[in-house]
C-alpha atoms as a PDB file:
ATOM      1  CA  UNK A   1     -28.963  11.769   0.223  1.00  0.00           C
ATOM      2  CA  UNK A   2     -29.226   8.028  -0.361  1.00  0.00           C
ATOM      3  CA  UNK A   3     -25.614   7.859  -1.643  1.00  0.00           C
ATOM      4  CA  UNK A   4     -24.350   9.322   1.643  1.00  0.00           C
ATOM      5  CA  UNK A   5     -26.466   6.850   3.605  1.00  0.00           C
ATOM      6  CA  UNK A   6     -25.158   3.937   1.502  1.00  0.00           C
ATOM      7  CA  UNK A   7     -21.532   4.991   2.045  1.00  0.00           C
ATOM      8  CA  UNK A   8     -22.086   5.430   5.764  1.00  0.00           C
ATOM      9  CA  UNK A   9     -23.707   2.008   5.961  1.00  0.00           C
ATOM     10  CA  UNK A  10     -20.697   0.450   4.174  1.00  0.00           C
ATOM     11  CA  UNK A  11     -18.296   2.144   6.589  1.00  0.00           C
ATOM     12  CA  UNK A  12     -20.232   0.924   9.621  1.00  0.00           C
ATOM     13  CA  UNK A  13     -20.367  -2.652   8.300  1.00  0.00           C
ATOM     14  CA  UNK A  14     -16.626  -2.546   7.537  1.00  0.00           C
ATOM     15  CA  UNK A  15     -15.833  -1.227  11.017  1.00  0.00           C
ATOM     16  CA  UNK A  16     -17.942  -3.863  12.786  1.00  0.00           C
ATOM     17  CA  UNK A  17     -16.500  -6.671  10.644  1.00  0.00           C
ATOM     18  CA  UNK A  18     -12.903  -5.588  11.259  1.00  0.00           C
ATOM     19  CA  UNK A  19     -13.577  -5.310  14.993  1.00  0.00           C
ATOM     20  CA  UNK A  20     -14.976  -8.862  15.147  1.00  0.00           C
ATOM     21  CA  UNK A  21     -12.156 -10.358  13.074  1.00  0.00           C
ATOM     22  CA  UNK A  22      -9.555  -8.377  15.031  1.00  0.00           C
ATOM     23  CA  UNK A  23     -10.532 -10.182  18.233  1.00  0.00           C
ATOM     24  CA  UNK A  24      -9.465 -13.575  16.841  1.00  0.00           C
ATOM     25  CA  UNK A  25      -7.455 -15.600  19.385  1.00  0.00           C
ATOM     26  CA  UNK A  26      -4.615 -17.647  17.938  1.00  0.00           C
ATOM     27  CA  UNK A  27      -1.514 -19.431  19.138  1.00  0.00           C
ATOM     28  CA  UNK A  28       1.618 -20.000  17.053  1.00  0.00           C
ATOM     29  CA  UNK A  29       5.082 -21.324  17.865  1.00  0.00           C
ATOM     30  CA  UNK A  30       7.732 -18.629  18.232  1.00  0.00           C
ATOM     31  CA  UNK A  31      10.461 -19.684  15.785  1.00  0.00           C
ATOM     32  CA  UNK A  32      12.690 -16.639  16.312  1.00  0.00           C
ATOM     33  CA  UNK A  33      15.900 -18.006  17.898  1.00  0.00           C
ATOM     34  CA  UNK A  34      16.751 -14.587  19.406  1.00  0.00           C
ATOM     35  CA  UNK A  35      13.383 -14.283  21.165  1.00  0.00           C
ATOM     36  CA  UNK A  36      12.963 -14.864  24.868  1.00  0.00           C
ATOM     37  CA  UNK A  37       9.887 -16.961  24.074  1.00  0.00           C
ATOM     38  CA  UNK A  38      11.600 -19.163  21.457  1.00  0.00           C
ATOM     39  CA  UNK A  39       9.859 -22.537  21.124  1.00  0.00           C
ATOM     40  CA  UNK A  40       6.791 -21.450  23.113  1.00  0.00           C
ATOM     41  CA  UNK A  41       3.320 -21.133  21.675  1.00  0.00           C
ATOM     42  CA  UNK A  42       2.438 -17.454  21.840  1.00  0.00           C
ATOM     43  CA  UNK A  43      -0.572 -15.505  20.679  1.00  0.00           C
ATOM     44  CA  UNK A  44      -3.122 -12.947  21.712  1.00  0.00           C
ATOM     45  CA  UNK A  45      -4.050 -14.615  25.000  1.00  0.00           C
ATOM     46  CA  UNK A  46      -0.378 -15.251  25.935  1.00  0.00           C
ATOM     47  CA  UNK A  47       0.217 -11.522  26.494  1.00  0.00           C
ATOM     48  CA  UNK A  48      -3.191 -10.788  28.003  1.00  0.00           C
ATOM     49  CA  UNK A  49      -3.408  -7.348  29.569  1.00  0.00           C
ATOM     50  CA  UNK A  50      -0.557  -5.948  27.448  1.00  0.00           C
ATOM     51  CA  UNK A  51      -0.588  -3.923  24.277  1.00  0.00           C
ATOM     52  CA  UNK A  52       0.895  -6.009  21.485  1.00  0.00           C
ATOM     53  CA  UNK A  53       1.874  -5.516  17.865  1.00  0.00           C
ATOM     54  CA  UNK A  54       1.589  -8.511  15.556  1.00  0.00           C
ATOM     55  CA  UNK A  55       3.792  -8.718  12.488  1.00  0.00           C
ATOM     56  CA  UNK A  56       3.729 -11.692  10.188  1.00  0.00           C
ATOM     57  CA  UNK A  57       6.727 -11.259   7.934  1.00  0.00           C
ATOM     58  CA  UNK A  58       8.611 -13.632   5.703  1.00  0.00           C
ATOM     59  CA  UNK A  59      12.320 -13.475   5.068  1.00  0.00           C
ATOM     60  CA  UNK A  60      14.356 -15.563   2.688  1.00  0.00           C
END
């Protein structure tokens, strides 16, 4: 019984931690020349009220 409780406690702590970190507000310059926001600082608060997907990729 204590193993189940320990696993459940780990899952709850992981969920709460990811929720807190996921709310981080940042602002970065859009360096994509084909973007409509090119050169602007965009981030989580820039698109407030909209659902956004954040992808941080690197191409060479």
